[in-house]
Protein backbone atom coordinates (compact mmCIF):
# COMPACT_ATOMS: atom_id res chain seq x y z
CA MET A 1 267.01 -68.59 -15.88
CA ASN A 2 263.74 -66.65 -16.68
CA GLY A 3 263.27 -62.77 -15.35
CA SER A 4 260.05 -61.41 -14.33
CA ILE A 5 258.82 -57.43 -15.20
CA LYS A 6 259.23 -55.78 -12.68
CA ASN A 7 259.59 -51.76 -12.36
CA CYS A 8 262.35 -49.90 -11.84
CA ARG A 9 262.32 -48.55 -8.28
CA LYS A 10 264.52 -45.44 -9.40
CA CYS A 11 262.30 -44.43 -12.56
CA GLY A 12 259.62 -46.49 -12.66
CA LYS A 13 259.86 -47.96 -16.39
CA MET A 14 258.81 -51.87 -16.85
CA PHE A 15 261.81 -54.22 -17.65
CA ASN A 16 262.74 -58.15 -17.05
CA TYR A 17 264.36 -58.16 -13.63
CA MET A 18 266.67 -60.88 -13.42
CA MET A 19 268.55 -60.66 -10.02
CA GLY A 20 269.73 -57.50 -7.37
CA PRO A 21 268.10 -54.76 -6.75
CA PRO A 22 265.41 -54.26 -8.98
CA ILE A 23 266.78 -51.26 -11.30
CA CYS A 24 266.30 -50.81 -14.62
CA PRO A 25 269.38 -51.25 -17.05
CA ALA A 26 269.27 -47.43 -17.79
CA CYS A 27 269.53 -46.57 -14.23
CA ARG A 28 271.79 -49.03 -13.21
CA GLU A 29 274.37 -47.30 -15.73
CA LYS A 30 273.73 -43.57 -14.59
CA ILE A 31 273.80 -44.59 -10.80
CA GLU A 32 277.24 -46.10 -12.55
CA LYS A 33 278.69 -43.22 -14.25
CA LYS A 34 277.62 -40.82 -10.39
CA PHE A 35 279.45 -43.16 -8.61
CA GLN A 36 282.95 -42.83 -11.50
CA GLU A 37 281.77 -39.18 -10.71
CA VAL A 38 281.74 -39.41 -6.45
CA LYS A 39 285.16 -42.04 -6.76
CA GLU A 40 287.03 -38.81 -8.91
CA TYR A 41 285.38 -36.20 -6.88
CA VAL A 42 286.39 -37.69 -3.49
CA ARG A 43 289.94 -38.66 -4.59
CA GLU A 44 290.38 -35.22 -5.67
CA HIS A 45 289.26 -33.19 -2.75
CA LYS A 46 290.58 -35.62 0.24
CA ALA A 47 289.25 -33.19 2.77
CA ALA A 48 285.92 -32.63 1.53
CA SER A 49 282.72 -33.62 3.76
CA MET A 50 279.87 -35.49 3.39
CA ASN A 51 277.74 -32.23 2.86
CA GLN A 52 280.71 -31.75 0.32
CA ILE A 53 280.40 -34.31 -1.77
CA THR A 54 276.80 -34.95 -1.90
CA GLU A 55 275.74 -31.71 -2.56
CA ASP A 56 278.49 -30.93 -5.29
CA CYS A 57 278.30 -34.19 -7.18
CA ASP A 58 274.34 -34.43 -6.75
CA VAL A 59 274.04 -37.57 -4.79
CA GLU A 60 271.81 -38.89 -2.36
CA ARG A 61 273.95 -39.51 1.11
CA LYS A 62 272.24 -42.80 1.59
CA GLN A 63 273.71 -44.30 -2.14
CA VAL A 64 277.26 -42.77 -1.19
CA GLU A 65 277.30 -44.94 2.25
CA GLN A 66 275.95 -48.06 -0.02
CA TRP A 67 279.35 -47.77 -2.04
CA VAL A 68 281.10 -47.40 0.81
CA ARG A 69 279.90 -50.16 2.25
CA GLU A 70 279.83 -52.55 -0.22
CA GLU A 71 283.58 -51.34 -0.11
CA ARG A 72 283.52 -49.47 -4.05
CA LEU A 73 284.10 -46.16 -2.25
CA VAL A 74 287.42 -45.59 -0.05
CA PHE A 75 288.02 -42.75 2.46
CA SER A 76 291.95 -41.65 2.69
CA ASP A 77 293.03 -41.43 6.12
CA GLU A 78 293.17 -37.46 5.95
CA SER A 79 289.44 -37.52 5.00
CA PRO A 80 287.02 -35.88 7.72
CA ILE A 81 284.36 -38.30 7.18
CA LYS A 82 285.34 -41.30 9.92
CA LEU A 83 284.19 -44.16 9.71
CA HIS A 84 283.75 -46.89 12.33
CA CYS A 85 283.89 -51.05 12.65
CA GLU A 86 280.63 -52.20 13.63
CA ARG A 87 282.24 -54.89 15.33
CA CYS A 88 284.49 -53.68 17.55
CA GLY A 89 284.25 -49.02 17.05
CA ALA A 90 288.61 -48.86 15.33
CA TYR A 91 288.42 -46.45 12.61
CA ILE A 92 288.31 -47.96 8.98
CA THR A 93 288.16 -45.89 5.66
CA THR A 94 285.70 -47.95 3.77
CA GLY A 95 282.85 -50.98 4.17
CA ARG A 96 281.62 -52.34 7.73
CA PHE A 97 284.33 -54.30 9.33
CA CYS A 98 287.92 -53.80 10.76
CA ASP A 99 290.23 -56.48 8.56
CA LYS A 100 290.47 -58.02 11.97
CA CYS A 101 287.23 -58.26 12.93
CA LYS A 102 286.42 -59.23 8.79
CA LYS A 103 289.41 -62.02 9.69
CA GLU A 104 287.36 -63.17 13.15
CA THR A 105 284.15 -63.25 11.90
CA ALA A 106 285.13 -65.62 8.48
CA ASN A 107 287.29 -68.24 11.20
CA ASP A 108 284.21 -67.79 13.34
CA VAL A 109 281.80 -68.53 10.40
CA SER A 110 284.27 -71.57 9.10
CA ALA A 111 284.56 -73.26 12.00
CA ALA A 112 280.63 -73.35 12.44
CA GLY A 113 280.56 -75.03 9.26
CA ALA A 114 283.42 -77.16 10.16
CA ARG A 115 281.65 -78.05 13.18
CA GLU A 116 277.96 -78.23 11.04
CA THR A 117 279.68 -80.80 8.91
CA GLY A 118 281.17 -82.98 11.20
CA ASN A 119 284.82 -82.29 10.11
CA ALA A 120 286.15 -80.45 13.10
CA ALA A 121 289.85 -81.08 11.38
CA GLU A 122 288.45 -77.81 9.62
CA ALA A 123 287.69 -75.93 12.76
CA PRO A 124 290.31 -73.68 13.34
CA ARG A 125 291.49 -74.10 17.34
CA ASN A 126 290.79 -71.30 20.14
CA SER A 127 287.91 -70.59 18.04
CA GLY A 128 285.61 -69.87 21.69
CA LEU A 129 283.29 -71.47 20.26
CA ARG A 130 282.31 -75.28 22.20
CA MET A 131 279.50 -77.54 20.81
CA HIS A 132 278.03 -79.88 23.62
CA THR A 133 276.08 -82.53 23.01
CA PHE A 134 274.11 -85.26 25.43
CA ARG A 135 273.61 -88.60 25.20
CA ASN A 136 270.69 -90.22 26.94
CA ASN A 137 271.45 -93.45 28.09
């Protein structure tokens, strides 16, 4: 696969872009080091607020939120940072969805895929989704 030349979104330097966010290898490495620092800070300071984390670690809130959505960063149950499932609102410590909603969404997608391919045997029963077809006679 051939890459293309892009400017790094962080530092502006040109680099050979292959895939993912348009960030050069040097900036990607800095971000990974910062992630390790934040992860250790959160582990050691379980009661730290988001403001404390961003100030003490010199990291943007947006970056911390991205790591949480990616499920790379997990807050303890003791943390004052409260995350809620985007689907049902249940309390979660990382990601975007609670385990129950992840499972239900996966089942819905699986069922839709099975119907799309015509393999009804793969579709979970009681998925709540039905497709009706009408024939012209």
